[in-house]
Amino acid sequence: MLGSLMTYCKEEDGETLELLYRTYKNKMFYIAMKLLEDSAEAENIVHDTFLILLEHLERIGDIKDKKTWNYIVTILKNRCFDWMRKQKYYKYADDKENFNVEESLDAKENIFKNHLEEEIIIREKQELLIKLIMNLKYPYKEVLYLQYYNELGSKEIGEILSIKPDNVRKIASRARKILKEKMIEMGYGR
């Protein structure tokens, strides 16, 4: 499969593609198999995902970075979901091992360093928010993740998820509303 991918690749991108392929191919195949339960189709989806990655190599920074893996797995899962919809078969698999938000959280909210109690409250809210995001259904979870953790805009998210940018904004707004309501129910916020 790598050989056929290299034919689509610019010469200067060959090394990056090969490193991506060697680093993530097996993990990608495992996820696709878990979702599709069809090895031939899983391999096709992995190949298709690499073709998409070829078009967007400029978005990939450090290959070993968690953001890179999250970006790849989001594209892969969406290609799997597209295939399942086309087959009139939909099996939603919540793959928490590949959506590890905790590792990608920034420590930007460390404003209250001298106030231990306030820090603990902030951490509790972050952990609760992570759990709530993890429990959102498709496409809410993916849109929020791409928007806030991969820092992508509506247009880029739309390209990845194959939806219009206006729909991305509506989905994000609805997801934030759902999260806000759940946080209020749990005693956080107004």
N, C-alpha and C. Protein backbone atom coordinates (compact mmCIF):
# COMPACT_ATOMS: atom_id res chain seq x y z
N MET A 1 0.83 -1.19 0.00
CA MET A 1 0.00 0.00 0.00
C MET A 1 0.88 1.26 0.00
N LEU A 2 1.98 1.23 0.71
CA LEU A 2 2.86 2.41 0.76
C LEU A 2 3.35 2.78 -0.63
N GLY A 3 3.69 1.78 -1.43
CA GLY A 3 4.18 2.04 -2.79
C GLY A 3 3.16 2.78 -3.62
N SER A 4 1.89 2.36 -3.54
CA SER A 4 0.86 3.05 -4.33
C SER A 4 0.62 4.47 -3.80
N LEU A 5 0.75 4.67 -2.50
CA LEU A 5 0.60 6.02 -1.94
C LEU A 5 1.71 6.94 -2.42
N MET A 6 2.92 6.41 -2.51
CA MET A 6 4.07 7.22 -2.91
C MET A 6 3.91 7.76 -4.34
N THR A 7 3.14 7.07 -5.19
CA THR A 7 2.94 7.55 -6.55
C THR A 7 2.10 8.82 -6.59
N TYR A 8 1.26 9.03 -5.56
CA TYR A 8 0.43 10.22 -5.48
C TYR A 8 1.14 11.38 -4.78
N CYS A 9 2.30 11.13 -4.28
CA CYS A 9 2.99 12.04 -3.37
C CYS A 9 4.02 12.89 -4.11
N LYS A 10 4.13 14.16 -3.67
CA LYS A 10 5.21 15.01 -4.17
C LYS A 10 6.52 14.47 -3.59
N GLU A 11 7.60 14.69 -4.28
CA GLU A 11 8.90 14.15 -3.86
C GLU A 11 9.29 14.62 -2.45
N GLU A 12 9.05 15.91 -2.16
CA GLU A 12 9.45 16.44 -0.85
C GLU A 12 8.57 15.93 0.29
N ASP A 13 7.38 15.41 -0.02
CA ASP A 13 6.48 14.90 1.01
C ASP A 13 6.65 13.40 1.26
N GLY A 14 7.45 12.75 0.46
CA GLY A 14 7.60 11.30 0.54
C GLY A 14 8.08 10.81 1.90
N GLU A 15 9.05 11.50 2.46
CA GLU A 15 9.61 11.08 3.75
C GLU A 15 8.58 11.23 4.87
N THR A 16 7.85 12.34 4.85
CA THR A 16 6.81 12.57 5.87
C THR A 16 5.72 11.50 5.77
N LEU A 17 5.28 11.23 4.54
CA LEU A 17 4.24 10.23 4.34
C LEU A 17 4.71 8.86 4.81
N GLU A 18 5.94 8.50 4.48
CA GLU A 18 6.46 7.20 4.89
C GLU A 18 6.52 7.09 6.41
N LEU A 19 6.94 8.14 7.08
CA LEU A 19 7.01 8.14 8.55
C LEU A 19 5.60 8.04 9.15
N LEU A 20 4.65 8.78 8.59
CA LEU A 20 3.26 8.68 9.04
C LEU A 20 2.74 7.25 8.87
N TYR A 21 3.01 6.71 7.71
CA TYR A 21 2.54 5.36 7.39
C TYR A 21 3.12 4.34 8.36
N ARG A 22 4.40 4.37 8.58
CA ARG A 22 5.04 3.39 9.47
C ARG A 22 4.62 3.58 10.93
N THR A 23 4.33 4.82 11.30
CA THR A 23 3.95 5.11 12.69
C THR A 23 2.51 4.71 12.98
N TYR A 24 1.59 4.97 12.05
CA TYR A 24 0.16 4.86 12.37
C TYR A 24 -0.62 3.79 11.61
N LYS A 25 -0.06 3.17 10.62
CA LYS A 25 -0.82 2.23 9.78
C LYS A 25 -1.52 1.16 10.60
N ASN A 26 -0.81 0.49 11.50
CA ASN A 26 -1.40 -0.62 12.26
C ASN A 26 -2.50 -0.14 13.20
N LYS A 27 -2.28 0.98 13.86
CA LYS A 27 -3.31 1.52 14.76
C LYS A 27 -4.55 1.90 13.96
N MET A 28 -4.34 2.50 12.81
CA MET A 28 -5.47 2.91 11.97
C MET A 28 -6.26 1.69 11.50
N PHE A 29 -5.55 0.66 11.10
CA PHE A 29 -6.21 -0.56 10.63
C PHE A 29 -7.03 -1.18 11.77
N TYR A 30 -6.47 -1.19 12.98
CA TYR A 30 -7.16 -1.74 14.14
C TYR A 30 -8.48 -1.01 14.38
N ILE A 31 -8.44 0.32 14.34
CA ILE A 31 -9.66 1.10 14.59
C ILE A 31 -10.68 0.86 13.48
N ALA A 32 -10.22 0.86 12.23
CA ALA A 32 -11.13 0.63 11.11
C ALA A 32 -11.76 -0.77 11.20
N MET A 33 -10.97 -1.76 11.59
CA MET A 33 -11.50 -3.12 11.76
C MET A 33 -12.53 -3.16 12.88
N LYS A 34 -12.25 -2.46 13.95
CA LYS A 34 -13.16 -2.43 15.10
C LYS A 34 -14.51 -1.83 14.69
N LEU A 35 -14.47 -0.80 13.85
CA LEU A 35 -15.69 -0.14 13.42
C LEU A 35 -16.41 -0.90 12.30
N LEU A 36 -15.66 -1.40 11.33
CA LEU A 36 -16.26 -1.96 10.12
C LEU A 36 -16.45 -3.47 10.16
N GLU A 37 -15.60 -4.15 10.91
CA GLU A 37 -15.61 -5.62 10.98
C GLU A 37 -15.47 -6.25 9.59
N ASP A 38 -14.67 -5.63 8.76
CA ASP A 38 -14.42 -6.12 7.40
C ASP A 38 -12.99 -5.71 7.03
N SER A 39 -12.08 -6.68 6.96
CA SER A 39 -10.67 -6.35 6.77
C SER A 39 -10.38 -5.69 5.43
N ALA A 40 -11.04 -6.13 4.37
CA ALA A 40 -10.80 -5.53 3.05
C ALA A 40 -11.24 -4.06 3.04
N GLU A 41 -12.41 -3.81 3.60
CA GLU A 41 -12.92 -2.44 3.63
C GLU A 41 -12.10 -1.58 4.59
N ALA A 42 -11.66 -2.17 5.69
CA ALA A 42 -10.82 -1.44 6.65
C ALA A 42 -9.53 -0.99 5.97
N GLU A 43 -8.94 -1.87 5.18
CA GLU A 43 -7.71 -1.51 4.47
C GLU A 43 -7.98 -0.41 3.44
N ASN A 44 -9.11 -0.48 2.76
CA ASN A 44 -9.48 0.57 1.80
C ASN A 44 -9.65 1.92 2.50
N ILE A 45 -10.28 1.91 3.64
CA ILE A 45 -10.51 3.15 4.38
C ILE A 45 -9.18 3.73 4.88
N VAL A 46 -8.29 2.88 5.35
CA VAL A 46 -6.97 3.35 5.80
C VAL A 46 -6.24 3.99 4.62
N HIS A 47 -6.28 3.34 3.47
CA HIS A 47 -5.64 3.88 2.27
C HIS A 47 -6.25 5.23 1.90
N ASP A 48 -7.59 5.30 1.92
CA ASP A 48 -8.30 6.54 1.62
C ASP A 48 -7.90 7.65 2.60
N THR A 49 -7.74 7.29 3.87
CA THR A 49 -7.34 8.26 4.89
C THR A 49 -5.94 8.82 4.58
N PHE A 50 -5.04 7.96 4.17
CA PHE A 50 -3.70 8.43 3.81
C PHE A 50 -3.75 9.36 2.59
N LEU A 51 -4.63 9.08 1.65
CA LEU A 51 -4.77 9.97 0.50
C LEU A 51 -5.27 11.35 0.94
N ILE A 52 -6.18 11.37 1.88
CA ILE A 52 -6.68 12.64 2.41
C ILE A 52 -5.56 13.36 3.16
N LEU A 53 -4.80 12.61 3.95
CA LEU A 53 -3.67 13.21 4.67
C LEU A 53 -2.65 13.83 3.72
N LEU A 54 -2.46 13.19 2.58
CA LEU A 54 -1.54 13.72 1.57
C LEU A 54 -1.94 15.13 1.14
N GLU A 55 -3.25 15.35 1.03
CA GLU A 55 -3.75 16.66 0.61
C GLU A 55 -3.57 17.72 1.70
N HIS A 56 -3.40 17.26 2.95
CA HIS A 56 -3.36 18.20 4.08
C HIS A 56 -2.10 18.01 4.93
N LEU A 57 -1.00 17.65 4.32
CA LEU A 57 0.24 17.43 5.07
C LEU A 57 0.73 18.70 5.78
N GLU A 58 0.35 19.86 5.25
CA GLU A 58 0.80 21.11 5.87
C GLU A 58 0.19 21.31 7.25
N ARG A 59 -0.91 20.62 7.55
CA ARG A 59 -1.57 20.73 8.86
C ARG A 59 -0.90 19.85 9.92
N ILE A 60 -0.02 19.00 9.49
CA ILE A 60 0.62 18.06 10.42
C ILE A 60 1.97 18.62 10.83
N GLY A 61 2.11 18.84 12.12
CA GLY A 61 3.37 19.33 12.66
C GLY A 61 4.26 18.15 13.00
N ASP A 62 4.45 17.92 14.27
CA ASP A 62 5.25 16.81 14.77
C ASP A 62 4.45 15.52 14.59
N ILE A 63 5.01 14.56 13.91
CA ILE A 63 4.30 13.32 13.60
C ILE A 63 3.95 12.54 14.87
N LYS A 64 4.78 12.61 15.87
CA LYS A 64 4.54 11.85 17.10
C LYS A 64 3.62 12.59 18.08
N ASP A 65 3.21 13.81 17.73
CA ASP A 65 2.38 14.62 18.61
C ASP A 65 0.97 14.03 18.71
N LYS A 66 0.37 14.16 19.87
CA LYS A 66 -0.98 13.64 20.12
C LYS A 66 -2.00 14.32 19.21
N LYS A 67 -1.79 15.61 18.90
CA LYS A 67 -2.71 16.30 18.01
C LYS A 67 -2.72 15.66 16.62
N THR A 68 -1.56 15.22 16.17
CA THR A 68 -1.47 14.57 14.87
C THR A 68 -2.29 13.28 14.87
N TRP A 69 -2.11 12.48 15.92
CA TRP A 69 -2.86 11.22 16.01
C TRP A 69 -4.36 11.51 16.08
N ASN A 70 -4.77 12.49 16.85
CA ASN A 70 -6.19 12.82 16.96
C ASN A 70 -6.75 13.29 15.62
N TYR A 71 -5.97 14.06 14.89
CA TYR A 71 -6.38 14.53 13.57
C TYR A 71 -6.57 13.33 12.63
N ILE A 72 -5.62 12.41 12.65
CA ILE A 72 -5.68 11.23 11.78
C ILE A 72 -6.88 10.36 12.13
N VAL A 73 -7.07 10.10 13.42
CA VAL A 73 -8.15 9.20 13.82
C VAL A 73 -9.52 9.82 13.56
N THR A 74 -9.63 11.13 13.62
CA THR A 74 -10.89 11.80 13.30
C THR A 74 -11.23 11.60 11.83
N ILE A 75 -10.26 11.79 10.98
CA ILE A 75 -10.49 11.58 9.54
C ILE A 75 -10.85 10.12 9.29
N LEU A 76 -10.10 9.21 9.89
CA LEU A 76 -10.34 7.77 9.71
C LEU A 76 -11.75 7.38 10.16
N LYS A 77 -12.13 7.80 11.34
CA LYS A 77 -13.45 7.44 11.86
C LYS A 77 -14.55 8.01 10.97
N ASN A 78 -14.37 9.23 10.49
CA ASN A 78 -15.40 9.82 9.64
C ASN A 78 -15.51 9.09 8.30
N ARG A 79 -14.39 8.63 7.77
CA ARG A 79 -14.44 7.84 6.53
C ARG A 79 -15.16 6.52 6.79
N CYS A 80 -14.91 5.92 7.95
CA CYS A 80 -15.61 4.67 8.32
C CYS A 80 -17.11 4.92 8.44
N PHE A 81 -17.49 6.01 9.12
CA PHE A 81 -18.90 6.33 9.29
C PHE A 81 -19.56 6.59 7.94
N ASP A 82 -18.85 7.28 7.04
CA ASP A 82 -19.39 7.53 5.70
C ASP A 82 -19.66 6.20 4.99
N TRP A 83 -18.71 5.28 5.07
CA TRP A 83 -18.87 3.98 4.42
C TRP A 83 -20.06 3.23 5.02
N MET A 84 -20.18 3.27 6.35
CA MET A 84 -21.28 2.55 7.00
C MET A 84 -22.63 3.15 6.61
N ARG A 85 -22.70 4.47 6.50
CA ARG A 85 -23.95 5.10 6.07
C ARG A 85 -24.30 4.65 4.66
N LYS A 86 -23.29 4.59 3.81
CA LYS A 86 -23.54 4.15 2.43
C LYS A 86 -24.01 2.70 2.39
N GLN A 87 -23.57 1.91 3.33
CA GLN A 87 -23.97 0.50 3.39
C GLN A 87 -25.26 0.30 4.18
N LYS A 88 -25.88 1.39 4.62
CA LYS A 88 -27.07 1.34 5.47
C LYS A 88 -26.78 0.56 6.75
N TYR A 89 -25.58 0.76 7.23
CA TYR A 89 -25.13 0.05 8.42
C TYR A 89 -24.42 1.06 9.29
N TYR A 90 -24.88 1.23 10.48
CA TYR A 90 -24.24 2.20 11.34
C TYR A 90 -24.02 1.58 12.71
N LYS A 91 -22.80 1.52 13.09
CA LYS A 91 -22.45 1.00 14.41
C LYS A 91 -21.59 2.06 15.07
N TYR A 92 -22.13 2.76 16.02
CA TYR A 92 -21.36 3.81 16.67
C TYR A 92 -20.46 3.18 17.71
N ALA A 93 -19.18 3.37 17.57
CA ALA A 93 -18.23 2.84 18.54
C ALA A 93 -17.53 4.00 19.19
N ASP A 94 -17.70 4.13 20.46
CA ASP A 94 -17.05 5.21 21.18
C ASP A 94 -15.66 4.73 21.56
N ASP A 95 -14.66 5.19 20.83
CA ASP A 95 -13.30 4.70 21.00
C ASP A 95 -12.53 5.65 21.89
N LYS A 96 -12.71 5.50 23.18
CA LYS A 96 -12.13 6.43 24.13
C LYS A 96 -10.61 6.39 24.14
N GLU A 97 -10.02 5.23 23.78
CA GLU A 97 -8.57 5.16 23.81
C GLU A 97 -7.92 6.05 22.77
N ASN A 98 -8.69 6.42 21.72
CA ASN A 98 -8.13 7.25 20.66
C ASN A 98 -8.61 8.69 20.77
N PHE A 99 -9.42 8.96 21.74
CA PHE A 99 -9.94 10.30 21.93
C PHE A 99 -9.54 10.75 23.32
N ASN A 100 -8.28 10.76 23.56
CA ASN A 100 -7.77 11.05 24.88
C ASN A 100 -7.60 12.55 25.03
N VAL A 101 -8.66 13.19 25.47
CA VAL A 101 -8.69 14.64 25.57
C VAL A 101 -7.81 15.12 26.72
N GLU A 102 -7.72 14.32 27.78
CA GLU A 102 -6.97 14.75 28.95
C GLU A 102 -5.53 15.11 28.59
N GLU A 103 -4.91 14.34 27.70
CA GLU A 103 -3.52 14.61 27.34
C GLU A 103 -3.37 15.87 26.51
N SER A 104 -4.45 16.25 25.83
CA SER A 104 -4.34 17.43 24.97
C SER A 104 -4.82 18.71 25.63
N LEU A 105 -5.27 18.61 26.88
CA LEU A 105 -5.70 19.83 27.59
C LEU A 105 -4.52 20.73 27.87
N ASP A 106 -4.71 22.01 27.68
CA ASP A 106 -3.67 23.00 27.95
C ASP A 106 -3.75 23.45 29.39
N ALA A 107 -2.67 23.88 29.95
CA ALA A 107 -2.66 24.36 31.32
C ALA A 107 -2.86 25.87 31.36
N LYS A 108 -3.58 26.42 30.37
CA LYS A 108 -3.77 27.86 30.28
C LYS A 108 -4.59 28.42 31.44
N GLU A 109 -5.42 27.59 32.04
CA GLU A 109 -6.31 28.09 33.08
C GLU A 109 -5.66 28.04 34.45
N ASN A 110 -4.36 28.13 34.50
CA ASN A 110 -3.64 28.09 35.77
C ASN A 110 -3.52 29.48 36.39
N ILE A 111 -4.57 30.28 36.24
CA ILE A 111 -4.56 31.66 36.69
C ILE A 111 -4.45 31.76 38.20
N PHE A 112 -5.06 30.84 38.88
CA PHE A 112 -5.17 30.93 40.33
C PHE A 112 -4.11 30.07 41.02
N LYS A 113 -2.86 30.22 40.65
CA LYS A 113 -1.79 29.40 41.20
C LYS A 113 -1.70 29.51 42.72
N ASN A 114 -1.95 30.67 43.26
CA ASN A 114 -1.83 30.87 44.71
C ASN A 114 -3.09 30.49 45.46
N HIS A 115 -4.12 30.10 44.75
CA HIS A 115 -5.40 29.78 45.38
C HIS A 115 -5.74 28.33 45.08
N LEU A 116 -5.29 27.44 45.95
CA LEU A 116 -5.43 26.01 45.74
C LEU A 116 -6.89 25.59 45.58
N GLU A 117 -7.77 26.14 46.37
CA GLU A 117 -9.18 25.77 46.29
C GLU A 117 -9.76 26.10 44.93
N GLU A 118 -9.43 27.28 44.43
CA GLU A 118 -9.94 27.68 43.13
C GLU A 118 -9.39 26.80 42.02
N GLU A 119 -8.12 26.40 42.13
CA GLU A 119 -7.53 25.48 41.15
C GLU A 119 -8.25 24.15 41.15
N ILE A 120 -8.56 23.65 42.32
CA ILE A 120 -9.24 22.36 42.42
C ILE A 120 -10.62 22.45 41.75
N ILE A 121 -11.32 23.53 41.97
CA ILE A 121 -12.63 23.72 41.36
C ILE A 121 -12.50 23.76 39.84
N ILE A 122 -11.51 24.47 39.35
CA ILE A 122 -11.28 24.55 37.91
C ILE A 122 -10.98 23.17 37.34
N ARG A 123 -10.12 22.41 38.01
CA ARG A 123 -9.79 21.06 37.54
C ARG A 123 -11.02 20.16 37.53
N GLU A 124 -11.84 20.28 38.56
CA GLU A 124 -13.07 19.48 38.60
C GLU A 124 -13.96 19.82 37.41
N LYS A 125 -14.09 21.11 37.12
CA LYS A 125 -14.90 21.52 35.98
C LYS A 125 -14.33 21.00 34.67
N GLN A 126 -13.00 21.08 34.52
CA GLN A 126 -12.36 20.59 33.30
C GLN A 126 -12.59 19.09 33.14
N GLU A 127 -12.40 18.35 34.22
CA GLU A 127 -12.60 16.90 34.15
C GLU A 127 -14.05 16.56 33.83
N LEU A 128 -14.98 17.30 34.44
CA LEU A 128 -16.39 17.09 34.15
C LEU A 128 -16.69 17.43 32.70
N LEU A 129 -16.13 18.55 32.22
CA LEU A 129 -16.34 18.95 30.84
C LEU A 129 -15.80 17.90 29.87
N ILE A 130 -14.63 17.36 30.17
CA ILE A 130 -14.06 16.30 29.34
C ILE A 130 -15.00 15.10 29.30
N LYS A 131 -15.48 14.70 30.47
CA LYS A 131 -16.41 13.55 30.53
C LYS A 131 -17.67 13.84 29.74
N LEU A 132 -18.19 15.05 29.88
CA LEU A 132 -19.40 15.40 29.16
C LEU A 132 -19.16 15.41 27.65
N ILE A 133 -18.02 15.94 27.23
CA ILE A 133 -17.69 15.94 25.79
C ILE A 133 -17.55 14.50 25.30
N MET A 134 -16.91 13.66 26.08
CA MET A 134 -16.71 12.25 25.70
C MET A 134 -18.04 11.53 25.53
N ASN A 135 -19.06 11.98 26.25
CA ASN A 135 -20.37 11.32 26.19
C ASN A 135 -21.29 11.90 25.12
N LEU A 136 -20.85 12.97 24.46
CA LEU A 136 -21.65 13.53 23.37
C LEU A 136 -21.64 12.55 22.20
N LYS A 137 -22.70 12.60 21.43
CA LYS A 137 -22.80 11.73 20.26
C LYS A 137 -22.19 12.41 19.04
N TYR A 138 -21.98 11.62 18.00
CA TYR A 138 -21.52 12.12 16.72
C TYR A 138 -22.59 13.04 16.17
N PRO A 139 -22.31 14.16 15.63
CA PRO A 139 -21.04 14.80 15.32
C PRO A 139 -20.61 15.83 16.37
N TYR A 140 -21.40 15.98 17.45
CA TYR A 140 -21.08 17.01 18.45
C TYR A 140 -19.68 16.85 19.02
N LYS A 141 -19.35 15.63 19.41
CA LYS A 141 -18.04 15.38 20.02
C LYS A 141 -16.91 15.73 19.05
N GLU A 142 -17.02 15.27 17.81
CA GLU A 142 -15.96 15.50 16.83
C GLU A 142 -15.79 16.99 16.52
N VAL A 143 -16.91 17.70 16.37
CA VAL A 143 -16.83 19.13 16.04
C VAL A 143 -16.15 19.90 17.17
N LEU A 144 -16.59 19.66 18.41
CA LEU A 144 -15.97 20.37 19.54
C LEU A 144 -14.50 20.02 19.67
N TYR A 145 -14.19 18.75 19.49
CA TYR A 145 -12.80 18.33 19.62
C TYR A 145 -11.92 19.02 18.58
N LEU A 146 -12.35 18.99 17.33
CA LEU A 146 -11.57 19.63 16.27
C LEU A 146 -11.49 21.14 16.47
N GLN A 147 -12.56 21.73 16.96
CA GLN A 147 -12.60 23.17 17.13
C GLN A 147 -11.71 23.65 18.28
N TYR A 148 -11.79 22.98 19.42
CA TYR A 148 -11.09 23.49 20.59
C TYR A 148 -9.73 22.83 20.85
N TYR A 149 -9.57 21.59 20.50
CA TYR A 149 -8.31 20.91 20.81
C TYR A 149 -7.36 20.87 19.62
N ASN A 150 -7.88 20.83 18.41
CA ASN A 150 -7.02 20.88 17.24
C ASN A 150 -7.01 22.29 16.65
N GLU A 151 -7.83 23.17 17.21
CA GLU A 151 -7.87 24.58 16.84
C GLU A 151 -8.12 24.79 15.34
N LEU A 152 -9.10 24.05 14.81
CA LEU A 152 -9.46 24.19 13.41
C LEU A 152 -10.69 25.09 13.27
N GLY A 153 -10.81 25.74 12.14
CA GLY A 153 -11.95 26.60 11.87
C GLY A 153 -13.11 25.81 11.26
N SER A 154 -14.24 26.47 11.10
CA SER A 154 -15.45 25.82 10.59
C SER A 154 -15.24 25.25 9.19
N LYS A 155 -14.51 25.97 8.37
CA LYS A 155 -14.28 25.50 7.00
C LYS A 155 -13.46 24.21 7.00
N GLU A 156 -12.40 24.19 7.80
CA GLU A 156 -11.53 23.00 7.86
C GLU A 156 -12.28 21.81 8.46
N ILE A 157 -13.06 22.06 9.50
CA ILE A 157 -13.83 20.98 10.11
C ILE A 157 -14.85 20.45 9.12
N GLY A 158 -15.48 21.37 8.38
CA GLY A 158 -16.44 20.97 7.36
C GLY A 158 -15.83 20.06 6.31
N GLU A 159 -14.60 20.37 5.90
CA GLU A 159 -13.90 19.52 4.93
C GLU A 159 -13.65 18.13 5.49
N ILE A 160 -13.22 18.07 6.73
CA ILE A 160 -12.90 16.78 7.36
C ILE A 160 -14.16 15.94 7.55
N LEU A 161 -15.24 16.57 8.01
CA LEU A 161 -16.47 15.84 8.33
C LEU A 161 -17.44 15.77 7.15
N SER A 162 -17.07 16.39 6.04
CA SER A 162 -17.91 16.43 4.83
C SER A 162 -19.26 17.09 5.10
N ILE A 163 -19.22 18.23 5.79
CA ILE A 163 -20.43 19.02 6.02
C ILE A 163 -20.12 20.49 5.76
N LYS A 164 -21.15 21.28 5.59
CA LYS A 164 -20.98 22.71 5.29
C LYS A 164 -20.50 23.45 6.54
N PRO A 165 -19.68 24.50 6.35
CA PRO A 165 -19.21 25.30 7.49
C PRO A 165 -20.34 25.87 8.35
N ASP A 166 -21.47 26.27 7.71
CA ASP A 166 -22.61 26.76 8.48
C ASP A 166 -23.15 25.68 9.42
N ASN A 167 -23.18 24.45 8.93
CA ASN A 167 -23.64 23.33 9.77
C ASN A 167 -22.67 23.07 10.90
N VAL A 168 -21.38 23.25 10.65
CA VAL A 168 -20.37 23.07 11.69
C VAL A 168 -20.64 24.06 12.82
N ARG A 169 -20.91 25.31 12.47
CA ARG A 169 -21.18 26.33 13.49
C ARG A 169 -22.46 26.01 14.27
N LYS A 170 -23.49 25.52 13.57
CA LYS A 170 -24.74 25.16 14.25
C LYS A 170 -24.52 23.98 15.19
N ILE A 171 -23.78 22.99 14.73
CA ILE A 171 -23.49 21.82 15.56
C ILE A 171 -22.70 22.23 16.80
N ALA A 172 -21.70 23.10 16.60
CA ALA A 172 -20.89 23.56 17.73
C ALA A 172 -21.75 24.33 18.73
N SER A 173 -22.63 25.16 18.23
CA SER A 173 -23.52 25.93 19.10
C SER A 173 -24.44 25.02 19.89
N ARG A 174 -25.01 24.04 19.23
CA ARG A 174 -25.89 23.08 19.92
C ARG A 174 -25.12 22.28 20.95
N ALA A 175 -23.92 21.88 20.60
CA ALA A 175 -23.10 21.09 21.53
C ALA A 175 -22.76 21.91 22.77
N ARG A 176 -22.40 23.17 22.58
CA ARG A 176 -22.10 24.04 23.73
C ARG A 176 -23.34 24.23 24.61
N LYS A 177 -24.50 24.35 23.97
CA LYS A 177 -25.75 24.50 24.73
C LYS A 177 -26.02 23.24 25.55
N ILE A 178 -25.83 22.07 24.95
CA ILE A 178 -26.02 20.80 25.66
C ILE A 178 -25.07 20.72 26.85
N LEU A 179 -23.80 21.08 26.62
CA LEU A 179 -22.81 21.04 27.70
C LEU A 179 -23.18 22.02 28.82
N LYS A 180 -23.61 23.21 28.45
CA LYS A 180 -23.98 24.21 29.45
C LYS A 180 -25.15 23.71 30.30
N GLU A 181 -26.16 23.14 29.66
CA GLU A 181 -27.31 22.61 30.39
C GLU A 181 -26.90 21.50 31.34
N LYS A 182 -26.03 20.62 30.89
CA LYS A 182 -25.59 19.53 31.75
C LYS A 182 -24.74 20.05 32.92
N MET A 183 -23.92 21.06 32.66
CA MET A 183 -23.10 21.64 33.74
C MET A 183 -24.02 22.30 34.78
N ILE A 184 -25.05 22.99 34.34
CA ILE A 184 -25.99 23.63 35.25
C ILE A 184 -26.72 22.58 36.08
N GLU A 185 -27.15 21.49 35.41
CA GLU A 185 -27.81 20.39 36.13
C GLU A 185 -26.92 19.83 37.23
N MET A 186 -25.63 19.84 37.01
CA MET A 186 -24.69 19.26 37.97
C MET A 186 -24.22 20.29 39.00
N GLY A 187 -24.76 21.50 38.94
CA GLY A 187 -24.45 22.49 39.96
C GLY A 187 -23.32 23.43 39.63
N TYR A 188 -22.87 23.46 38.36
CA TYR A 188 -21.81 24.37 37.94
C TYR A 188 -22.43 25.45 37.06
N GLY A 189 -22.18 26.68 37.38
CA GLY A 189 -22.63 27.78 36.53
C GLY A 189 -24.08 28.15 36.79
N ARG A 190 -24.60 29.04 35.93
CA ARG A 190 -25.98 29.55 36.06
C ARG A 190 -26.84 29.03 34.97
